[in-house]
N, C-alpha and C. Protein backbone atom coordinates (compact mmCIF):
# COMPACT_ATOMS: atom_id res chain seq x y z
N MET A 1 107.43 81.29 91.25
CA MET A 1 107.18 81.98 92.49
C MET A 1 108.29 81.65 93.45
N ALA A 2 109.30 82.47 93.49
CA ALA A 2 110.43 82.19 94.36
C ALA A 2 110.15 82.64 95.78
N ARG A 3 110.90 82.06 96.68
CA ARG A 3 110.83 82.48 98.07
C ARG A 3 112.11 83.22 98.38
N LYS A 4 111.97 84.43 98.81
CA LYS A 4 113.12 85.25 99.13
C LYS A 4 112.99 85.71 100.57
N PRO A 5 114.05 86.21 101.17
CA PRO A 5 113.96 86.62 102.57
C PRO A 5 112.81 87.58 102.79
N ALA A 6 112.02 87.30 103.81
CA ALA A 6 110.87 88.14 104.12
C ALA A 6 111.33 89.49 104.63
N LYS A 7 110.63 90.53 104.26
CA LYS A 7 110.93 91.87 104.75
C LYS A 7 110.40 92.01 106.17
N SER A 8 111.04 92.88 106.92
CA SER A 8 110.56 93.11 108.28
C SER A 8 109.27 93.91 108.22
N GLY A 9 108.51 93.85 109.30
CA GLY A 9 107.24 94.57 109.33
C GLY A 9 106.13 93.63 109.68
N ASN A 10 104.91 94.15 109.64
CA ASN A 10 103.73 93.38 110.02
C ASN A 10 103.35 92.45 108.88
N SER A 11 103.63 91.15 109.05
CA SER A 11 103.35 90.19 107.99
C SER A 11 101.86 89.91 107.86
N LYS A 12 101.05 90.39 108.80
CA LYS A 12 99.62 90.17 108.72
C LYS A 12 98.90 91.28 107.97
N ASN A 13 99.63 92.25 107.50
CA ASN A 13 99.05 93.34 106.74
C ASN A 13 98.56 92.79 105.41
N THR A 14 97.24 92.78 105.22
CA THR A 14 96.68 92.15 104.02
C THR A 14 97.10 92.84 102.73
N ALA A 15 97.49 94.13 102.81
CA ALA A 15 97.95 94.82 101.61
C ALA A 15 99.20 94.16 101.05
N ASN A 16 99.99 93.53 101.94
CA ASN A 16 101.20 92.84 101.50
C ASN A 16 100.92 91.42 101.06
N ASN A 17 99.68 90.98 101.16
CA ASN A 17 99.32 89.61 100.82
C ASN A 17 98.29 89.57 99.69
N THR A 18 98.37 90.54 98.80
CA THR A 18 97.50 90.54 97.63
C THR A 18 98.33 90.79 96.38
N LEU A 19 97.83 90.29 95.27
CA LEU A 19 98.44 90.58 93.98
C LEU A 19 97.33 90.97 93.02
N ARG A 20 97.68 91.72 92.01
CA ARG A 20 96.71 92.16 91.02
C ARG A 20 97.07 91.56 89.67
N ILE A 21 96.10 90.94 89.02
CA ILE A 21 96.29 90.44 87.66
C ILE A 21 96.35 91.65 86.73
N ILE A 22 97.34 91.69 85.85
CA ILE A 22 97.59 92.93 85.11
C ILE A 22 97.07 92.93 83.67
N GLY A 23 96.60 91.78 83.18
CA GLY A 23 96.11 91.78 81.80
C GLY A 23 95.12 90.66 81.54
N GLY A 24 94.42 90.77 80.42
CA GLY A 24 93.51 89.71 80.01
C GLY A 24 92.13 89.78 80.64
N GLU A 25 91.45 88.64 80.64
CA GLU A 25 90.06 88.52 81.09
C GLU A 25 89.85 89.01 82.52
N TRP A 26 90.81 88.73 83.39
CA TRP A 26 90.67 89.09 84.81
C TRP A 26 91.48 90.32 85.18
N ARG A 27 91.78 91.15 84.22
CA ARG A 27 92.60 92.34 84.47
C ARG A 27 92.07 93.12 85.67
N SER A 28 92.98 93.50 86.55
CA SER A 28 92.73 94.29 87.76
C SER A 28 92.10 93.50 88.90
N ARG A 29 91.79 92.21 88.69
CA ARG A 29 91.29 91.40 89.79
C ARG A 29 92.40 91.20 90.82
N LYS A 30 92.03 91.31 92.10
CA LYS A 30 92.99 91.11 93.17
C LYS A 30 92.79 89.74 93.79
N LEU A 31 93.91 89.09 94.09
CA LEU A 31 93.89 87.77 94.71
C LEU A 31 94.74 87.80 95.97
N GLU A 32 94.32 87.06 96.96
CA GLU A 32 95.08 86.96 98.20
C GLU A 32 96.00 85.75 98.16
N PHE A 33 97.06 85.83 98.93
CA PHE A 33 97.92 84.68 99.15
C PHE A 33 98.35 84.70 100.62
N PRO A 34 98.63 83.54 101.19
CA PRO A 34 98.90 83.48 102.63
C PRO A 34 100.29 83.97 103.00
N THR A 35 100.44 84.30 104.26
CA THR A 35 101.76 84.63 104.77
C THR A 35 102.56 83.34 104.92
N ALA A 36 103.70 83.30 104.30
CA ALA A 36 104.61 82.16 104.43
C ALA A 36 106.02 82.73 104.35
N ASP A 37 106.96 82.03 104.90
CA ASP A 37 108.32 82.52 104.98
C ASP A 37 108.86 82.86 103.59
N GLY A 38 109.03 84.15 103.32
CA GLY A 38 109.62 84.59 102.07
C GLY A 38 108.73 84.55 100.85
N LEU A 39 107.46 84.21 101.01
CA LEU A 39 106.57 84.08 99.85
C LEU A 39 106.21 85.46 99.30
N ARG A 40 106.40 85.64 97.99
CA ARG A 40 106.01 86.90 97.34
C ARG A 40 105.75 86.66 95.86
N PRO A 41 104.80 87.39 95.29
CA PRO A 41 104.53 87.20 93.86
C PRO A 41 105.60 87.85 92.99
N THR A 42 105.80 87.30 91.80
CA THR A 42 106.65 87.96 90.82
C THR A 42 106.08 89.35 90.57
N SER A 43 106.92 90.36 90.55
CA SER A 43 106.45 91.75 90.47
C SER A 43 105.64 92.00 89.20
N GLY A 44 104.76 92.98 89.28
CA GLY A 44 103.94 93.35 88.13
C GLY A 44 104.78 93.78 86.94
N MET A 45 105.89 94.48 87.20
CA MET A 45 106.75 94.94 86.11
C MET A 45 107.37 93.75 85.38
N ILE A 46 107.86 92.77 86.15
CA ILE A 46 108.46 91.59 85.52
C ILE A 46 107.40 90.77 84.79
N ARG A 47 106.20 90.64 85.39
CA ARG A 47 105.12 89.91 84.71
C ARG A 47 104.75 90.58 83.40
N GLU A 48 104.70 91.90 83.40
CA GLU A 48 104.36 92.64 82.17
C GLU A 48 105.39 92.34 81.09
N THR A 49 106.68 92.37 81.47
CA THR A 49 107.73 92.07 80.50
C THR A 49 107.62 90.64 79.99
N LEU A 50 107.44 89.70 80.92
CA LEU A 50 107.33 88.29 80.53
C LEU A 50 106.21 88.07 79.53
N PHE A 51 105.02 88.61 79.81
CA PHE A 51 103.90 88.34 78.92
C PHE A 51 103.98 89.15 77.63
N ASN A 52 104.76 90.21 77.61
CA ASN A 52 105.08 90.86 76.34
C ASN A 52 105.99 89.94 75.51
N TRP A 53 106.92 89.27 76.19
CA TRP A 53 107.79 88.31 75.49
C TRP A 53 106.96 87.17 74.92
N LEU A 54 106.03 86.67 75.71
CA LEU A 54 105.24 85.51 75.29
C LEU A 54 104.22 85.88 74.23
N GLN A 55 103.70 87.10 74.28
CA GLN A 55 102.68 87.59 73.37
C GLN A 55 101.60 86.54 73.13
N HIS A 56 101.43 86.09 71.89
CA HIS A 56 100.34 85.16 71.59
C HIS A 56 100.68 83.70 71.89
N LYS A 57 101.92 83.44 72.31
CA LYS A 57 102.32 82.05 72.56
C LYS A 57 101.60 81.45 73.76
N VAL A 58 101.11 82.30 74.64
CA VAL A 58 100.41 81.80 75.83
C VAL A 58 98.99 81.33 75.49
N ILE A 59 98.41 81.87 74.42
CA ILE A 59 97.04 81.54 74.05
C ILE A 59 96.97 80.08 73.61
N GLY A 60 96.13 79.31 74.30
CA GLY A 60 95.95 77.90 73.98
C GLY A 60 97.06 76.99 74.50
N ALA A 61 98.01 77.54 75.25
CA ALA A 61 99.15 76.75 75.73
C ALA A 61 98.79 75.95 76.98
N ASN A 62 99.40 74.79 77.11
CA ASN A 62 99.34 74.01 78.34
C ASN A 62 100.61 74.33 79.13
N ILE A 63 100.41 74.86 80.33
CA ILE A 63 101.50 75.47 81.09
C ILE A 63 101.69 74.77 82.42
N LEU A 64 102.94 74.64 82.83
CA LEU A 64 103.29 74.17 84.16
C LEU A 64 103.88 75.34 84.94
N ASP A 65 103.30 75.64 86.09
CA ASP A 65 103.80 76.70 86.97
C ASP A 65 104.42 76.03 88.19
N MET A 66 105.73 75.75 88.11
CA MET A 66 106.44 75.13 89.23
C MET A 66 106.69 76.18 90.31
N PHE A 67 106.71 75.74 91.57
CA PHE A 67 106.92 76.66 92.69
C PHE A 67 105.91 77.80 92.61
N SER A 68 104.64 77.46 92.45
CA SER A 68 103.60 78.41 92.09
C SER A 68 103.36 79.52 93.11
N GLY A 69 103.50 79.21 94.40
CA GLY A 69 103.39 80.23 95.43
C GLY A 69 102.07 80.96 95.43
N SER A 70 102.09 82.24 95.07
CA SER A 70 100.88 83.06 95.03
C SER A 70 100.03 82.78 93.79
N GLY A 71 100.62 82.12 92.79
CA GLY A 71 99.91 81.88 91.53
C GLY A 71 99.95 83.06 90.58
N ALA A 72 100.81 84.04 90.86
CA ALA A 72 100.87 85.25 90.03
C ALA A 72 101.06 84.94 88.55
N LEU A 73 101.99 84.04 88.24
CA LEU A 73 102.26 83.72 86.84
C LEU A 73 101.17 82.84 86.24
N GLY A 74 100.75 81.84 87.00
CA GLY A 74 99.74 80.91 86.48
C GLY A 74 98.40 81.58 86.21
N PHE A 75 97.91 82.37 87.16
CA PHE A 75 96.63 83.04 86.95
C PHE A 75 96.73 84.12 85.87
N GLU A 76 97.88 84.77 85.78
CA GLU A 76 98.08 85.75 84.71
C GLU A 76 97.98 85.06 83.35
N ALA A 77 98.60 83.87 83.25
CA ALA A 77 98.55 83.12 81.99
C ALA A 77 97.13 82.70 81.64
N LEU A 78 96.37 82.23 82.63
CA LEU A 78 94.98 81.85 82.38
C LEU A 78 94.16 83.06 81.97
N SER A 79 94.40 84.19 82.59
CA SER A 79 93.68 85.42 82.24
C SER A 79 93.93 85.81 80.79
N ARG A 80 95.11 85.45 80.29
CA ARG A 80 95.52 85.83 78.93
C ARG A 80 95.30 84.73 77.90
N GLY A 81 94.56 83.67 78.28
CA GLY A 81 94.13 82.70 77.28
C GLY A 81 94.80 81.35 77.27
N ALA A 82 95.57 81.02 78.30
CA ALA A 82 96.17 79.68 78.36
C ALA A 82 95.08 78.62 78.40
N ALA A 83 95.34 77.48 77.79
CA ALA A 83 94.35 76.38 77.79
C ALA A 83 94.26 75.74 79.16
N SER A 84 95.41 75.61 79.83
CA SER A 84 95.45 75.01 81.17
C SER A 84 96.72 75.41 81.87
N VAL A 85 96.65 75.43 83.20
CA VAL A 85 97.84 75.68 84.01
C VAL A 85 97.85 74.68 85.17
N THR A 86 98.92 73.91 85.26
CA THR A 86 99.15 73.03 86.39
C THR A 86 100.05 73.76 87.37
N MET A 87 99.54 73.99 88.59
CA MET A 87 100.28 74.75 89.60
C MET A 87 100.78 73.79 90.67
N VAL A 88 102.09 73.77 90.86
CA VAL A 88 102.69 72.89 91.86
C VAL A 88 103.27 73.75 92.98
N GLU A 89 102.83 73.50 94.20
CA GLU A 89 103.26 74.30 95.35
C GLU A 89 103.39 73.40 96.57
N LYS A 90 104.54 73.46 97.22
CA LYS A 90 104.84 72.61 98.37
C LYS A 90 104.12 73.06 99.64
N ASP A 91 104.02 74.38 99.86
CA ASP A 91 103.40 74.91 101.08
C ASP A 91 101.89 74.62 101.06
N ARG A 92 101.41 73.93 102.09
CA ARG A 92 100.01 73.51 102.11
C ARG A 92 99.03 74.69 102.09
N LYS A 93 99.29 75.72 102.90
CA LYS A 93 98.38 76.87 102.94
C LYS A 93 98.36 77.61 101.61
N ALA A 94 99.53 77.75 101.00
CA ALA A 94 99.59 78.41 99.70
C ALA A 94 98.83 77.61 98.65
N ALA A 95 98.98 76.28 98.68
CA ALA A 95 98.27 75.42 97.73
C ALA A 95 96.76 75.53 97.91
N GLU A 96 96.30 75.56 99.16
CA GLU A 96 94.87 75.70 99.42
C GLU A 96 94.35 77.04 98.92
N GLN A 97 95.16 78.10 99.08
CA GLN A 97 94.73 79.42 98.60
C GLN A 97 94.68 79.46 97.08
N LEU A 98 95.58 78.74 96.42
CA LEU A 98 95.51 78.65 94.96
C LEU A 98 94.19 78.04 94.52
N LYS A 99 93.75 77.00 95.22
CA LYS A 99 92.46 76.38 94.91
C LYS A 99 91.31 77.36 95.16
N THR A 100 91.39 78.10 96.26
CA THR A 100 90.35 79.08 96.59
C THR A 100 90.29 80.16 95.52
N ASN A 101 91.46 80.64 95.08
CA ASN A 101 91.49 81.69 94.06
C ASN A 101 90.96 81.19 92.72
N ALA A 102 91.23 79.94 92.40
CA ALA A 102 90.67 79.37 91.16
C ALA A 102 89.15 79.34 91.23
N GLN A 103 88.61 79.02 92.40
CA GLN A 103 87.15 79.02 92.57
C GLN A 103 86.59 80.43 92.47
N LEU A 104 87.29 81.40 93.05
CA LEU A 104 86.85 82.80 92.97
C LEU A 104 86.80 83.28 91.52
N LEU A 105 87.76 82.84 90.74
CA LEU A 105 87.82 83.23 89.32
C LEU A 105 86.93 82.36 88.44
N GLN A 106 86.33 81.35 89.05
CA GLN A 106 85.43 80.43 88.36
C GLN A 106 86.11 79.80 87.14
N THR A 107 87.34 79.35 87.36
CA THR A 107 88.06 78.68 86.28
C THR A 107 88.16 77.19 86.57
N THR A 108 88.02 76.41 85.52
CA THR A 108 88.21 74.96 85.61
C THR A 108 89.47 74.56 84.83
N LYS A 109 90.29 75.54 84.50
CA LYS A 109 91.48 75.29 83.68
C LYS A 109 92.76 75.20 84.50
N SER A 110 92.64 75.21 85.82
CA SER A 110 93.83 75.11 86.66
C SER A 110 93.76 73.86 87.52
N TRP A 111 94.92 73.25 87.72
CA TRP A 111 95.06 72.09 88.61
C TRP A 111 96.13 72.43 89.62
N VAL A 112 95.81 72.27 90.90
CA VAL A 112 96.75 72.58 91.97
C VAL A 112 97.26 71.28 92.57
N ILE A 113 98.57 71.15 92.65
CA ILE A 113 99.20 69.96 93.20
C ILE A 113 100.06 70.39 94.38
N ASN A 114 99.72 69.89 95.57
CA ASN A 114 100.47 70.20 96.79
C ASN A 114 101.61 69.19 96.91
N SER A 115 102.79 69.57 96.39
CA SER A 115 103.92 68.64 96.35
C SER A 115 105.21 69.43 96.15
N ASP A 116 106.33 68.78 96.43
CA ASP A 116 107.62 69.34 96.07
C ASP A 116 107.72 69.38 94.55
N ALA A 117 107.93 70.57 94.01
CA ALA A 117 107.85 70.75 92.55
C ALA A 117 108.88 69.94 91.78
N LEU A 118 110.11 69.91 92.27
CA LEU A 118 111.15 69.22 91.52
C LEU A 118 110.93 67.71 91.49
N SER A 119 110.59 67.13 92.65
CA SER A 119 110.36 65.68 92.67
C SER A 119 109.10 65.31 91.88
N TRP A 120 108.06 66.17 91.94
CA TRP A 120 106.85 65.91 91.16
C TRP A 120 107.16 65.96 89.66
N ALA A 121 107.92 66.98 89.25
CA ALA A 121 108.23 67.15 87.83
C ALA A 121 109.04 65.97 87.29
N ALA A 122 109.92 65.43 88.13
CA ALA A 122 110.78 64.33 87.70
C ALA A 122 109.99 63.06 87.39
N ARG A 123 108.80 62.93 88.00
CA ARG A 123 108.01 61.71 87.77
C ARG A 123 106.70 62.00 87.02
N CYS A 124 106.51 63.22 86.57
CA CYS A 124 105.22 63.63 86.01
C CYS A 124 104.85 62.92 84.70
N GLY A 125 105.78 62.80 83.76
CA GLY A 125 105.49 62.07 82.53
C GLY A 125 104.80 62.88 81.45
N ASP A 126 104.35 64.10 81.77
CA ASP A 126 103.71 64.96 80.77
C ASP A 126 104.72 65.96 80.21
N SER A 127 104.39 66.52 79.04
CA SER A 127 105.18 67.59 78.44
C SER A 127 104.30 68.82 78.30
N PHE A 128 104.90 69.99 78.52
CA PHE A 128 104.15 71.24 78.51
C PHE A 128 104.70 72.18 77.44
N ASP A 129 103.83 73.07 76.97
CA ASP A 129 104.24 74.08 75.99
C ASP A 129 105.14 75.13 76.63
N ILE A 130 104.80 75.50 77.87
CA ILE A 130 105.54 76.53 78.61
C ILE A 130 105.69 76.07 80.05
N VAL A 131 106.88 76.27 80.61
CA VAL A 131 107.12 75.99 82.03
C VAL A 131 107.58 77.27 82.69
N PHE A 132 106.89 77.67 83.77
CA PHE A 132 107.31 78.80 84.59
C PHE A 132 108.18 78.23 85.70
N LEU A 133 109.41 78.66 85.78
CA LEU A 133 110.38 78.10 86.69
C LEU A 133 110.98 79.21 87.54
N ASP A 134 110.48 79.33 88.77
CA ASP A 134 110.92 80.37 89.69
C ASP A 134 111.20 79.72 91.05
N PRO A 135 112.28 78.92 91.13
CA PRO A 135 112.55 78.18 92.36
C PRO A 135 113.04 79.08 93.49
N PRO A 136 112.97 78.60 94.73
CA PRO A 136 113.49 79.38 95.86
C PRO A 136 114.96 79.74 95.62
N PHE A 137 115.30 81.00 95.74
CA PHE A 137 116.66 81.44 95.45
C PHE A 137 117.69 80.72 96.33
N ALA A 138 117.38 80.60 97.61
CA ALA A 138 118.34 80.03 98.56
C ALA A 138 118.63 78.56 98.28
N ALA A 139 117.69 77.87 97.66
CA ALA A 139 117.86 76.43 97.43
C ALA A 139 118.85 76.12 96.32
N ASP A 140 119.07 77.07 95.40
CA ASP A 140 120.03 76.89 94.31
C ASP A 140 119.75 75.61 93.51
N ILE A 141 118.48 75.42 93.14
CA ILE A 141 118.10 74.19 92.41
C ILE A 141 117.71 74.46 90.96
N ALA A 142 117.94 75.68 90.47
CA ALA A 142 117.61 75.97 89.07
C ALA A 142 118.29 75.01 88.10
N PRO A 143 119.58 74.65 88.32
CA PRO A 143 120.20 73.68 87.39
C PRO A 143 119.47 72.35 87.35
N ASP A 144 119.04 71.85 88.53
CA ASP A 144 118.30 70.59 88.58
C ASP A 144 116.96 70.71 87.84
N CYS A 145 116.32 71.84 88.00
CA CYS A 145 115.03 72.07 87.33
C CYS A 145 115.20 72.08 85.82
N LEU A 146 116.26 72.71 85.34
CA LEU A 146 116.50 72.74 83.89
C LEU A 146 116.83 71.34 83.36
N GLU A 147 117.50 70.53 84.17
CA GLU A 147 117.77 69.15 83.77
C GLU A 147 116.47 68.39 83.55
N VAL A 148 115.50 68.58 84.44
CA VAL A 148 114.20 67.93 84.30
C VAL A 148 113.48 68.47 83.06
N CYS A 149 113.58 69.77 82.84
CA CYS A 149 112.90 70.37 81.68
C CYS A 149 113.44 69.83 80.37
N LYS A 150 114.76 69.65 80.28
CA LYS A 150 115.34 69.18 79.02
C LYS A 150 115.10 67.70 78.80
N SER A 151 114.68 67.01 79.86
CA SER A 151 114.40 65.57 79.75
C SER A 151 112.98 65.29 79.28
N GLY A 152 112.26 66.32 78.87
CA GLY A 152 110.94 66.11 78.29
C GLY A 152 109.81 66.81 79.00
N LEU A 153 110.08 67.49 80.11
CA LEU A 153 109.02 68.22 80.81
C LEU A 153 108.47 69.34 79.94
N VAL A 154 109.35 69.96 79.16
CA VAL A 154 108.93 70.97 78.20
C VAL A 154 109.09 70.37 76.79
N LYS A 155 108.10 70.63 75.96
CA LYS A 155 108.10 70.07 74.60
C LYS A 155 109.26 70.60 73.77
N SER A 156 109.59 69.88 72.73
CA SER A 156 110.57 70.37 71.77
C SER A 156 110.09 71.71 71.23
N GLU A 157 110.96 72.69 71.26
CA GLU A 157 110.68 74.08 70.87
C GLU A 157 109.73 74.78 71.84
N GLY A 158 109.46 74.14 72.98
CA GLY A 158 108.67 74.78 74.03
C GLY A 158 109.51 75.80 74.79
N LEU A 159 108.86 76.55 75.66
CA LEU A 159 109.49 77.68 76.34
C LEU A 159 109.60 77.45 77.85
N VAL A 160 110.68 77.98 78.41
CA VAL A 160 110.87 77.97 79.86
C VAL A 160 111.14 79.39 80.30
N TYR A 161 110.32 79.88 81.24
CA TYR A 161 110.62 81.16 81.88
C TYR A 161 111.39 80.85 83.16
N LEU A 162 112.57 81.43 83.31
CA LEU A 162 113.44 81.16 84.44
C LEU A 162 113.71 82.46 85.19
N GLU A 163 113.49 82.41 86.51
CA GLU A 163 113.76 83.57 87.36
C GLU A 163 114.68 83.13 88.50
N ILE A 164 115.85 83.77 88.59
CA ILE A 164 116.83 83.41 89.62
C ILE A 164 117.44 84.68 90.21
N SER A 165 118.21 84.50 91.27
CA SER A 165 118.94 85.61 91.86
C SER A 165 119.99 86.11 90.87
N ARG A 166 120.13 87.41 90.79
CA ARG A 166 121.11 88.01 89.89
C ARG A 166 122.54 87.55 90.21
N SER A 167 122.77 87.22 91.49
CA SER A 167 124.11 86.81 91.92
C SER A 167 124.39 85.34 91.64
N GLN A 168 123.37 84.59 91.27
CA GLN A 168 123.55 83.16 91.03
C GLN A 168 124.23 82.93 89.69
N LYS A 169 125.24 82.09 89.69
CA LYS A 169 125.92 81.72 88.45
C LYS A 169 125.27 80.45 87.90
N LEU A 170 124.74 80.54 86.70
CA LEU A 170 124.01 79.41 86.11
C LEU A 170 124.45 79.20 84.68
N GLN A 171 124.83 77.97 84.39
CA GLN A 171 125.15 77.58 83.02
C GLN A 171 123.90 76.97 82.40
N VAL A 172 123.32 77.66 81.42
CA VAL A 172 122.12 77.14 80.76
C VAL A 172 122.52 75.96 79.89
N PRO A 173 121.86 74.80 80.04
CA PRO A 173 122.22 73.63 79.22
C PRO A 173 122.15 73.93 77.73
N GLU A 174 122.99 73.26 76.96
CA GLU A 174 123.07 73.51 75.52
C GLU A 174 121.78 73.14 74.80
N GLU A 175 120.91 72.38 75.47
CA GLU A 175 119.62 72.02 74.86
C GLU A 175 118.67 73.21 74.76
N PHE A 176 119.03 74.34 75.40
CA PHE A 176 118.18 75.52 75.40
C PHE A 176 118.87 76.70 74.72
N GLU A 177 118.07 77.50 74.04
CA GLU A 177 118.51 78.76 73.48
C GLU A 177 117.93 79.88 74.35
N ILE A 178 118.76 80.86 74.72
CA ILE A 178 118.27 82.01 75.48
C ILE A 178 117.67 83.01 74.49
N LEU A 179 116.36 83.17 74.55
CA LEU A 179 115.68 84.11 73.65
C LEU A 179 115.69 85.53 74.19
N LYS A 180 115.48 85.67 75.51
CA LYS A 180 115.42 86.98 76.15
C LYS A 180 116.07 86.88 77.52
N SER A 181 116.67 87.98 77.97
CA SER A 181 117.28 88.01 79.29
C SER A 181 117.29 89.43 79.82
N LYS A 182 116.86 89.60 81.07
CA LYS A 182 116.85 90.93 81.69
C LYS A 182 117.15 90.80 83.17
N THR A 183 117.47 91.92 83.80
CA THR A 183 117.62 91.97 85.24
C THR A 183 116.75 93.10 85.78
N SER A 184 116.31 92.90 87.03
CA SER A 184 115.54 93.93 87.73
C SER A 184 115.90 93.82 89.21
N GLY A 185 116.65 94.80 89.71
CA GLY A 185 117.11 94.73 91.08
C GLY A 185 117.99 93.52 91.29
N SER A 186 117.60 92.67 92.24
CA SER A 186 118.40 91.47 92.55
C SER A 186 117.97 90.25 91.73
N VAL A 187 117.05 90.45 90.77
CA VAL A 187 116.48 89.34 90.02
C VAL A 187 116.99 89.33 88.58
N MET A 188 117.35 88.14 88.09
CA MET A 188 117.60 87.94 86.67
C MET A 188 116.52 87.01 86.14
N TYR A 189 115.96 87.36 85.00
CA TYR A 189 114.93 86.51 84.42
C TYR A 189 115.16 86.34 82.93
N GLN A 190 114.86 85.12 82.46
CA GLN A 190 115.17 84.75 81.08
C GLN A 190 114.03 83.95 80.47
N LEU A 191 113.92 84.05 79.17
CA LEU A 191 113.02 83.19 78.41
C LEU A 191 113.89 82.28 77.56
N LEU A 192 113.75 80.99 77.80
CA LEU A 192 114.53 79.97 77.10
C LEU A 192 113.63 79.17 76.18
N GLN A 193 114.21 78.65 75.11
CA GLN A 193 113.48 77.75 74.21
C GLN A 193 114.26 76.46 74.07
N ARG A 194 113.54 75.35 74.27
CA ARG A 194 114.17 74.05 74.08
C ARG A 194 114.37 73.82 72.59
N LYS A 195 115.58 73.48 72.21
CA LYS A 195 115.90 73.29 70.80
C LYS A 195 115.19 72.07 70.25
N GLY A 196 114.77 72.15 68.98
CA GLY A 196 114.05 71.05 68.35
C GLY A 196 114.97 69.90 67.99
């Protein structure tokens, strides 16, 4: 869940603060997220592509959703059969809304951590099957996040979904293989696999 420059207009318009789950158990359920500087969910089109890439790999997976924001990726994964999703979000209001949305969906498979995602990941000590990595574009911290992922945050042969600005130049570490890569507007998104 990256943070990008907020569009002008009425930020209190609730239509701009909802997302729709597009597949699985909670298909078509709408969830709210708070107004925060630049906060927006990963688009439905990109989510559809991502979960087509993942197909059955999400079922039963333990997933880390770094920079969770609206929870678009994490809740989509739970809707499609993930065993668990750990959602890390620095913004307090966004983190509280993630907890509220988990209660609305009556799921006990999500854990919300209100913390800086990169510093939390560096000390976490757990390994995940899949990591959703959508850091704030302006922060330019994707390389640091991949360093943490290759150090054991993602399991051997595990997957990393990476979403960055199309204009950002990023050298993917040799520990990862790029399985899929696409662009949509100003966004580049990739599915990486940590080599065994």
